[in-house]
Amino acid sequence: MDYHQFTFNTSEPELLLAFIQNLPFDSFEVEENRLKAYLPAKDDTEKMRKALDLLKERVNFNYRHSVIPYQNWNTLWESNFTPIRVGDFCGIRTDFHPPFAPPVTHEIHIQPKMAFGTGHHATTWMVIDQMAKLDFKGKKVLDYGCGTGILAILAEKMGANALDAVDIEPPAVENTLEHIELNNCTRITTYEGTLDQLGKNHYQIILANINRNVILKSLPTLYNQLEEGGYLLISGFIQQDTDLLQNATQQQGFTLQEIQTRENWICIVLRA
C-alpha cells in the first residue's frame, strides 16, 4: 500500500498529535519540533488538507506532503529503527545491531521490513515493562494489532501456551510470520483482519498497542474476549487521553490496575 506522508513542523508536536490522532492517519512519528503522520493512499487528501487548515486556528504549524510508495517502506523502517532495551528483561534488535551488553533475559530478533510503529518506541517499551510483571506461563494470549509480532513472540518466550496475533495490514501479518520463524516460535497463530477473525476465542491476557480510536472502538469486544480476572494492556495514546481512556474502560467494566507514563505516552493495565 502506498502512503501519504505529512511532515509537520511545530514547536508543540505532542499537542499537535493530540488533535490529529482523531483524523484518519494510520501511524505517527514524533520528533523534536517535528511530527510525521501517514495516511493510506486510498484516502482523500483534499479532505485532510481542509481539516488541517481548520486545525491551524488552534495549533501553530506548517506541513509538507509527499507520497511514499510501498516499496520504500522497508528503507524508511530500517533508517528509523533503533534497538529497544527494557532493563535486563528484554531487548529487541536487528541483525545489523550488536548483541545487548550486558545480556537480557529475553532477546528478540527482527528484520527491517515495515515502518508501522517506528515512532512508538515509548509505548512498546511500556507494554514490555508491564509484561514483565505478569505470569504468562500456560496462558492463552492475544496480540491485537500485532505489527511486527514482537509482543506475541515475547509472550511465547515467557511461557504462554497458545497465542493469536491479528493485524489489519497484510505487510504486518507477513512481517509477524517472518519474525515468528526468525525467533523459533511455534505456538503463535496469525490472522489478517479485525477481531472478528478470532470468532469466540477467549484469552487470559490481551496486549493492544495500537491507537486511541481503535482501542475505544474495540473495548466491548475486548471485554467479551477476556476471561474473568484476565489482564488487558493498552497503549498507543498520549497522556492527554488518560481521562478519556479511564472513563471508557471503567464504563465497559474493566478495573484499573496501573497507569504508566513515558515520554508523554501512556500504558494502562486493566483487569476484567
Protein backbone atom coordinates (compact mmCIF):
# COMPACT_ATOMS: atom_id res chain seq x y z
CA MET A 1 0.00 0.00 0.00
CA ASP A 2 1.29 3.48 -0.87
CA TYR A 3 1.12 6.15 1.83
CA HIS A 4 0.80 9.92 2.01
CA GLN A 5 3.38 11.34 4.41
CA PHE A 6 2.51 14.62 6.12
CA THR A 7 5.54 16.20 7.81
CA PHE A 8 4.55 18.87 10.33
CA ASN A 9 6.94 21.49 11.65
CA THR A 10 5.79 22.70 15.05
CA SER A 11 7.18 23.72 18.42
CA GLU A 12 4.46 21.59 20.07
CA PRO A 13 4.50 18.17 18.36
CA GLU A 14 2.82 16.38 21.28
CA LEU A 15 -0.01 18.93 21.39
CA LEU A 16 -0.49 18.68 17.64
CA LEU A 17 -0.58 14.88 17.89
CA ALA A 18 -3.37 15.12 20.46
CA PHE A 19 -5.51 16.78 17.79
CA ILE A 20 -4.54 14.96 14.60
CA GLN A 21 -4.79 11.46 16.03
CA ASN A 22 -8.54 11.95 15.70
CA LEU A 23 -8.02 12.19 11.94
CA PRO A 24 -7.74 9.02 9.80
CA PHE A 25 -3.95 8.74 9.91
CA ASP A 26 -2.54 5.23 10.33
CA SER A 27 0.61 5.95 12.31
CA PHE A 28 2.82 8.72 13.63
CA GLU A 29 6.44 9.55 14.38
CA VAL A 30 7.15 12.23 16.98
CA GLU A 31 10.47 14.07 16.79
CA GLU A 32 11.80 17.29 18.27
CA ASN A 33 9.87 20.17 16.65
CA ARG A 34 8.51 17.78 14.03
CA LEU A 35 5.74 15.26 13.63
CA LYS A 36 5.20 12.82 10.76
CA ALA A 37 1.80 11.30 10.04
CA TYR A 38 0.93 8.62 7.50
CA LEU A 39 -2.31 8.37 5.53
CA PRO A 40 -3.20 5.42 3.25
CA ALA A 41 -3.03 6.42 -0.41
CA LYS A 42 -6.67 5.49 -0.94
CA ASP A 43 -7.84 8.19 1.48
CA ASP A 44 -8.98 11.67 0.44
CA THR A 45 -6.03 14.08 0.80
CA GLU A 46 -8.13 17.12 -0.12
CA LYS A 47 -10.46 16.41 2.78
CA MET A 48 -7.42 16.02 5.03
CA ARG A 49 -5.99 19.36 3.88
CA LYS A 50 -9.25 21.11 4.76
CA ALA A 51 -9.24 19.54 8.22
CA LEU A 52 -5.64 20.63 8.77
CA ASP A 53 -6.44 24.20 7.66
CA LEU A 54 -9.14 24.37 10.33
CA LEU A 55 -6.74 22.95 12.91
CA LYS A 56 -4.28 25.79 12.28
CA GLU A 57 -6.66 28.03 14.19
CA ARG A 58 -5.83 26.04 17.36
CA VAL A 59 -2.20 24.94 16.91
CA ASN A 60 0.70 26.69 15.22
CA PHE A 61 2.27 24.51 12.50
CA ASN A 62 3.09 24.18 8.83
CA TYR A 63 3.46 20.99 6.84
CA ARG A 64 4.55 19.43 3.60
CA HIS A 65 3.05 16.44 1.84
CA SER A 66 4.72 13.64 -0.13
CA VAL A 67 3.81 10.15 -1.34
CA ILE A 68 5.82 7.14 -0.17
CA PRO A 69 5.50 4.12 -2.49
CA TYR A 70 5.02 0.78 -0.80
CA GLN A 71 8.48 -0.46 -1.79
CA ASN A 72 10.12 2.44 0.09
CA TRP A 73 8.68 1.48 3.48
CA ASN A 74 11.46 -1.04 4.08
CA THR A 75 14.20 1.58 3.81
CA LEU A 76 12.25 4.05 5.93
CA TRP A 77 11.66 1.46 8.65
CA GLU A 78 15.31 0.44 8.82
CA SER A 79 16.51 4.03 8.95
CA ASN A 80 14.21 4.87 11.87
CA PHE A 81 14.51 1.71 13.95
CA THR A 82 16.80 1.67 16.97
CA PRO A 83 17.24 -1.26 19.37
CA ILE A 84 14.80 -1.38 22.28
CA ARG A 85 16.02 -2.44 25.71
CA VAL A 86 13.79 -2.76 28.75
CA GLY A 87 16.22 -3.11 31.64
CA ASP A 88 17.65 -6.61 31.96
CA PHE A 89 14.30 -8.13 30.99
CA CYS A 90 14.03 -7.81 27.21
CA GLY A 91 15.86 -6.46 24.18
CA ILE A 92 14.74 -6.14 20.57
CA ARG A 93 17.31 -5.73 17.84
CA THR A 94 18.03 -6.42 14.18
CA ASP A 95 20.90 -8.41 12.75
CA PHE A 96 22.79 -5.22 11.93
CA HIS A 97 22.86 -4.23 15.61
CA PRO A 98 25.32 -5.87 18.06
CA PRO A 99 24.07 -8.16 20.87
CA PHE A 100 22.98 -6.47 24.08
CA ALA A 101 25.67 -5.96 26.69
CA PRO A 102 25.11 -6.88 29.41
CA PRO A 103 22.74 -9.57 28.06
CA VAL A 104 18.99 -9.52 28.64
CA THR A 105 16.70 -12.35 29.76
CA HIS A 106 14.72 -12.34 26.52
CA GLU A 107 16.23 -11.20 23.23
CA ILE A 108 14.02 -10.80 20.17
CA HIS A 109 15.43 -10.63 16.65
CA ILE A 110 13.60 -8.73 13.93
CA GLN A 111 14.08 -7.91 10.27
CA PRO A 112 13.51 -4.33 8.99
CA LYS A 113 10.52 -4.73 6.73
CA MET A 114 7.96 -2.07 7.64
CA ALA A 115 7.50 1.39 9.15
CA PHE A 116 4.36 0.85 11.21
CA GLY A 117 5.02 1.85 14.80
CA THR A 118 8.59 3.10 14.46
CA GLY A 119 7.68 6.32 16.28
CA HIS A 120 6.08 4.49 19.20
CA HIS A 121 9.09 3.01 20.97
CA ALA A 122 7.89 4.50 24.25
CA THR A 123 4.62 2.57 24.05
CA THR A 124 6.36 -0.66 23.09
CA TRP A 125 8.78 -0.18 25.98
CA MET A 126 5.95 0.31 28.48
CA VAL A 127 3.93 -2.71 27.34
CA ILE A 128 7.04 -4.88 27.60
CA ASP A 129 7.81 -3.39 31.02
CA GLN A 130 4.31 -4.26 32.21
CA MET A 131 4.52 -7.75 30.69
CA ALA A 132 7.49 -8.42 32.96
CA LYS A 133 5.14 -8.13 35.94
CA LEU A 134 2.67 -10.77 34.68
CA ASP A 135 2.75 -14.56 34.71
CA PHE A 136 2.41 -15.81 31.12
CA LYS A 137 3.13 -19.49 31.83
CA GLY A 138 0.39 -21.68 30.37
CA LYS A 139 -1.72 -18.65 29.41
CA LYS A 140 -3.68 -18.02 26.21
CA VAL A 141 -2.71 -14.60 24.85
CA LEU A 142 -3.89 -12.20 22.13
CA ASP A 143 -1.63 -9.64 20.45
CA TYR A 144 -4.15 -7.22 18.92
CA GLY A 145 -2.64 -5.02 16.21
CA CYS A 146 0.48 -7.17 16.25
CA GLY A 147 2.54 -5.04 13.83
CA THR A 148 5.93 -6.75 13.90
CA GLY A 149 4.71 -9.50 16.25
CA ILE A 150 7.23 -8.76 18.98
CA LEU A 151 4.74 -8.77 21.86
CA ALA A 152 3.36 -12.18 20.88
CA ILE A 153 6.91 -13.50 20.47
CA LEU A 154 7.89 -12.20 23.91
CA ALA A 155 4.75 -13.74 25.44
CA GLU A 156 5.72 -17.14 24.00
CA LYS A 157 9.27 -16.76 25.33
CA MET A 158 7.69 -16.06 28.73
CA GLY A 159 5.78 -19.35 28.62
CA ALA A 160 2.40 -18.59 27.03
CA ASN A 161 0.80 -21.81 25.84
CA ALA A 162 -1.27 -20.53 22.91
CA LEU A 163 -1.17 -17.17 21.18
CA ASP A 164 -3.14 -15.35 18.50
CA ALA A 165 -1.72 -12.34 16.65
CA VAL A 166 -4.00 -10.24 14.45
CA ASP A 167 -3.46 -7.16 12.29
CA ILE A 168 -5.48 -5.48 9.56
CA GLU A 169 -2.42 -4.72 7.41
CA PRO A 170 -1.13 -7.57 5.17
CA PRO A 171 2.53 -6.40 5.44
CA ALA A 172 2.24 -6.56 9.24
CA VAL A 173 0.98 -10.14 9.12
CA GLU A 174 3.76 -11.06 6.70
CA ASN A 175 6.36 -9.43 8.95
CA THR A 176 4.96 -11.19 12.02
CA LEU A 177 5.22 -14.56 10.29
CA GLU A 178 8.86 -13.86 9.39
CA HIS A 179 9.67 -12.89 12.97
CA ILE A 180 7.92 -15.99 14.32
CA GLU A 181 10.24 -18.13 12.21
CA LEU A 182 13.30 -16.00 13.00
CA ASN A 183 12.71 -16.40 16.74
CA ASN A 184 11.87 -20.13 16.54
CA CYS A 185 8.36 -19.65 17.89
CA THR A 186 5.84 -22.48 17.45
CA ARG A 187 2.72 -21.50 19.39
CA ILE A 188 1.59 -18.30 17.60
CA THR A 189 -1.30 -18.26 15.11
CA THR A 190 -1.59 -15.17 12.92
CA TYR A 191 -4.71 -13.63 11.41
CA GLU A 192 -5.17 -10.89 8.84
CA GLY A 193 -8.16 -8.68 9.63
CA THR A 194 -10.05 -7.45 12.67
CA LEU A 195 -11.08 -9.04 15.96
CA ASP A 196 -13.97 -10.64 14.06
CA GLN A 197 -11.43 -13.07 12.56
CA LEU A 198 -10.94 -14.61 16.01
CA GLY A 199 -14.53 -15.76 16.45
CA LYS A 200 -15.42 -16.53 20.04
CA ASN A 201 -11.87 -17.13 21.25
CA HIS A 202 -11.17 -16.12 24.83
CA TYR A 203 -7.90 -15.06 26.40
CA GLN A 204 -6.32 -14.64 29.80
CA ILE A 205 -4.05 -11.79 28.64
CA ILE A 206 -4.66 -9.33 25.78
CA LEU A 207 -1.98 -6.93 24.53
CA ALA A 208 -3.18 -3.97 22.44
CA ASN A 209 -0.54 -1.43 21.45
CA ILE A 210 -2.43 0.39 18.67
CA ASN A 211 -4.00 3.84 18.94
CA ARG A 212 -6.72 5.57 20.89
CA ASN A 213 -9.54 5.39 18.35
CA VAL A 214 -9.10 1.70 17.54
CA ILE A 215 -8.94 0.78 21.21
CA LEU A 216 -12.03 2.80 22.12
CA LYS A 217 -14.00 1.17 19.30
CA SER A 218 -12.78 -2.31 20.28
CA LEU A 219 -13.39 -2.16 24.05
CA PRO A 220 -16.72 -4.08 24.03
CA THR A 221 -15.22 -6.93 22.00
CA LEU A 222 -12.04 -6.99 24.06
CA TYR A 223 -14.06 -7.16 27.27
CA ASN A 224 -16.07 -10.11 25.95
CA GLN A 225 -12.94 -11.92 24.79
CA LEU A 226 -11.05 -11.51 28.07
CA GLU A 227 -11.64 -14.18 30.69
CA GLU A 228 -12.76 -13.09 34.14
CA GLY A 229 -9.73 -11.98 36.10
CA GLY A 230 -7.67 -11.62 32.91
CA TYR A 231 -5.43 -8.69 32.02
CA LEU A 232 -5.72 -6.14 29.21
CA LEU A 233 -2.69 -3.95 28.45
CA ILE A 234 -3.46 -0.99 26.20
CA SER A 235 -1.11 1.65 24.81
CA GLY A 236 -0.56 3.83 21.75
CA PHE A 237 -2.03 7.11 23.01
CA ILE A 238 -0.76 10.21 24.75
CA GLN A 239 -1.09 11.45 28.32
CA GLN A 240 -3.85 13.93 27.47
CA ASP A 241 -6.11 10.96 26.66
CA THR A 242 -5.77 9.37 30.10
CA ASP A 243 -9.15 10.51 31.47
CA LEU A 244 -10.94 9.55 28.26
CA LEU A 245 -9.50 6.02 28.33
CA GLN A 246 -10.07 5.63 32.06
CA ASN A 247 -13.73 6.59 31.78
CA ALA A 248 -14.34 4.40 28.72
CA THR A 249 -12.72 1.32 30.22
CA GLN A 250 -14.49 1.78 33.54
CA GLN A 251 -17.86 2.08 31.81
CA GLN A 252 -17.10 -1.10 29.90
CA GLY A 253 -16.49 -2.97 33.15
CA PHE A 254 -12.70 -3.10 33.38
CA THR A 255 -10.90 -2.46 36.68
CA LEU A 256 -7.88 -0.16 36.58
CA GLN A 257 -4.65 -1.73 37.85
CA GLU A 258 -1.92 0.70 36.83
CA ILE A 259 -1.09 3.66 34.56
CA GLN A 260 2.46 4.14 33.32
CA THR A 261 3.81 7.23 31.54
CA ARG A 262 6.87 7.54 29.34
CA GLU A 263 7.75 10.49 27.08
CA ASN A 264 4.13 11.72 27.30
CA TRP A 265 2.78 8.35 26.13
CA ILE A 266 0.77 6.12 28.46
CA CYS A 267 0.14 2.45 29.04
CA ILE A 268 -2.88 1.30 31.03
CA VAL A 269 -3.14 -2.07 32.75
CA LEU A 270 -6.72 -3.29 33.23
CA ARG A 271 -8.40 -6.36 34.65
CA ALA A 272 -11.73 -7.94 33.73
